[in-house]
């Protein structure tokens, strides 16, 4: 079973997406801000990270840069999840280290397809 780190500060969005991912067979670990995301990614070693970009404490942009700079976490694929749907944000997310980008509200079928590209069917 693939382990997913879901980084989302909005409790309702976090709970809804976590439940949907668990129903699809994923183990879900959650973080509510960027610093917790860095700590959990380091300790939990998830197979993939879903990273909101607008986060308190440390934003998703900086959390991604930090994770991609650390030997222990640089290999973990990160999919940016954001309500920012303009092309500059997509480019910036990819430049700071995100491996893929998806917009909110989440289209579950599209998101799962992107996730599976990185997980190689390990769910």
Protein backbone atom coordinates (compact mmCIF):
# COMPACT_ATOMS: atom_id res chain seq x y z
CA UNK A 1 0.00 0.00 0.00
CA UNK A 2 1.44 3.36 -1.02
CA UNK A 3 1.87 5.97 1.71
CA UNK A 4 0.72 9.49 0.81
CA UNK A 5 1.60 12.63 2.76
CA UNK A 6 -1.32 15.02 2.34
CA UNK A 7 -0.34 18.60 3.16
CA UNK A 8 -3.43 20.79 3.45
CA UNK A 9 -4.25 23.53 5.98
CA UNK A 10 -8.01 23.57 5.34
CA UNK A 11 -9.45 20.95 7.69
CA UNK A 12 -12.52 20.23 5.58
CA UNK A 13 -10.47 19.77 2.38
CA UNK A 14 -7.88 17.68 4.24
CA UNK A 15 -10.43 15.34 5.80
CA UNK A 16 -12.41 14.90 2.58
CA UNK A 17 -9.36 14.15 0.45
CA UNK A 18 -7.81 11.87 3.08
CA UNK A 19 -11.01 9.79 3.26
CA UNK A 20 -11.23 9.53 -0.52
CA UNK A 21 -7.60 8.43 -0.78
CA UNK A 22 -8.03 5.87 2.01
CA UNK A 23 -11.04 4.40 0.21
CA UNK A 24 -8.79 3.96 -2.83
CA UNK A 25 -6.39 1.90 -0.70
CA UNK A 26 -3.74 4.47 0.19
CA UNK A 27 -2.23 4.95 3.63
CA UNK A 28 -2.58 8.69 4.35
CA UNK A 29 -0.44 10.78 6.67
CA UNK A 30 -1.51 14.42 7.07
CA UNK A 31 0.23 17.71 7.75
CA UNK A 32 -1.50 21.04 8.28
CA UNK A 33 1.44 23.35 7.52
CA UNK A 34 4.73 23.36 5.66
CA UNK A 35 6.96 22.79 8.68
CA UNK A 36 4.96 19.76 9.79
CA UNK A 37 5.13 18.54 6.17
CA UNK A 38 8.94 18.72 6.21
CA UNK A 39 9.08 16.89 9.55
CA UNK A 40 6.59 14.18 8.53
CA UNK A 41 8.18 13.63 5.12
CA UNK A 42 11.53 13.10 6.82
CA UNK A 43 10.19 10.74 9.50
CA UNK A 44 7.49 8.90 7.51
CA UNK A 45 9.23 8.61 4.11
CA UNK A 46 5.97 8.65 2.08
CA UNK A 47 5.83 7.34 -1.46
CA UNK A 48 4.30 10.62 -2.67
CA UNK A 49 3.43 14.07 -1.30
CA UNK A 50 0.33 16.09 -2.19
CA UNK A 51 1.41 19.65 -1.34
CA UNK A 52 -0.94 22.60 -0.95
CA UNK A 53 1.05 25.73 -1.79
CA UNK A 54 -0.76 28.28 0.38
CA UNK A 55 0.16 27.10 3.87
CA UNK A 56 0.81 28.71 7.25
CA UNK A 57 4.19 28.65 9.07
CA UNK A 58 6.19 27.55 6.00
CA UNK A 59 4.41 27.83 2.65
CA UNK A 60 4.28 24.95 0.19
CA UNK A 61 6.78 26.58 -2.15
CA UNK A 62 9.45 26.74 0.56
CA UNK A 63 8.55 23.33 2.02
CA UNK A 64 9.04 21.82 -1.45
CA UNK A 65 12.41 23.54 -1.90
CA UNK A 66 13.52 22.23 1.49
CA UNK A 67 12.37 18.67 0.82
CA UNK A 68 14.04 18.59 -2.61
CA UNK A 69 17.30 19.91 -1.08
CA UNK A 70 17.52 17.19 1.60
CA UNK A 71 19.15 13.87 0.76
CA UNK A 72 16.55 11.98 2.81
CA UNK A 73 13.53 13.40 0.95
CA UNK A 74 14.67 14.64 -2.47
CA UNK A 75 13.53 11.41 -4.17
CA UNK A 76 9.89 11.72 -3.01
CA UNK A 77 7.59 12.92 -5.83
CA UNK A 78 5.59 16.03 -4.96
CA UNK A 79 2.34 17.01 -6.64
CA UNK A 80 1.36 20.63 -6.00
CA UNK A 81 -2.33 21.04 -5.20
CA UNK A 82 -3.53 24.59 -5.41
CA UNK A 83 -6.43 26.88 -6.18
CA UNK A 84 -3.89 29.04 -8.04
CA UNK A 85 -4.77 28.10 -11.59
CA UNK A 86 -2.66 30.56 -13.55
CA UNK A 87 0.20 29.28 -15.69
CA UNK A 88 2.86 31.28 -13.81
CA UNK A 89 2.01 29.39 -10.62
CA UNK A 90 2.37 26.07 -12.42
CA UNK A 91 5.77 27.11 -13.75
CA UNK A 92 6.87 28.37 -10.33
CA UNK A 93 5.72 25.15 -8.64
CA UNK A 94 7.72 23.05 -11.09
CA UNK A 95 10.75 25.34 -10.73
CA UNK A 96 10.75 25.01 -6.94
CA UNK A 97 10.81 21.22 -7.23
CA UNK A 98 7.27 19.95 -7.61
CA UNK A 99 7.12 16.99 -9.98
CA UNK A 100 3.53 17.64 -11.07
CA UNK A 101 0.78 20.23 -10.57
CA UNK A 102 -2.96 19.94 -10.11
CA UNK A 103 -5.68 22.45 -9.34
CA UNK A 104 -8.46 22.65 -6.78
CA UNK A 105 -11.21 21.80 -6.53
CA UNK A 106 -9.72 18.35 -6.88
CA UNK A 107 -10.83 16.23 -9.81
CA UNK A 108 -10.24 12.83 -8.19
CA UNK A 109 -9.92 10.87 -11.43
CA UNK A 110 -7.35 13.30 -12.81
CA UNK A 111 -5.41 13.43 -9.52
CA UNK A 112 -5.32 9.63 -9.17
CA UNK A 113 -4.03 9.35 -12.74
CA UNK A 114 -1.19 11.75 -11.95
CA UNK A 115 -0.42 9.95 -8.70
CA UNK A 116 -0.26 6.54 -10.38
CA UNK A 117 2.37 7.80 -12.83
CA UNK A 118 4.71 8.21 -9.85
CA UNK A 119 3.55 5.21 -7.81
CA UNK A 120 3.70 2.59 -10.59
CA UNK A 121 0.60 0.84 -9.31
CA UNK A 122 1.86 0.36 -5.74
CA UNK A 123 -1.50 1.33 -4.22
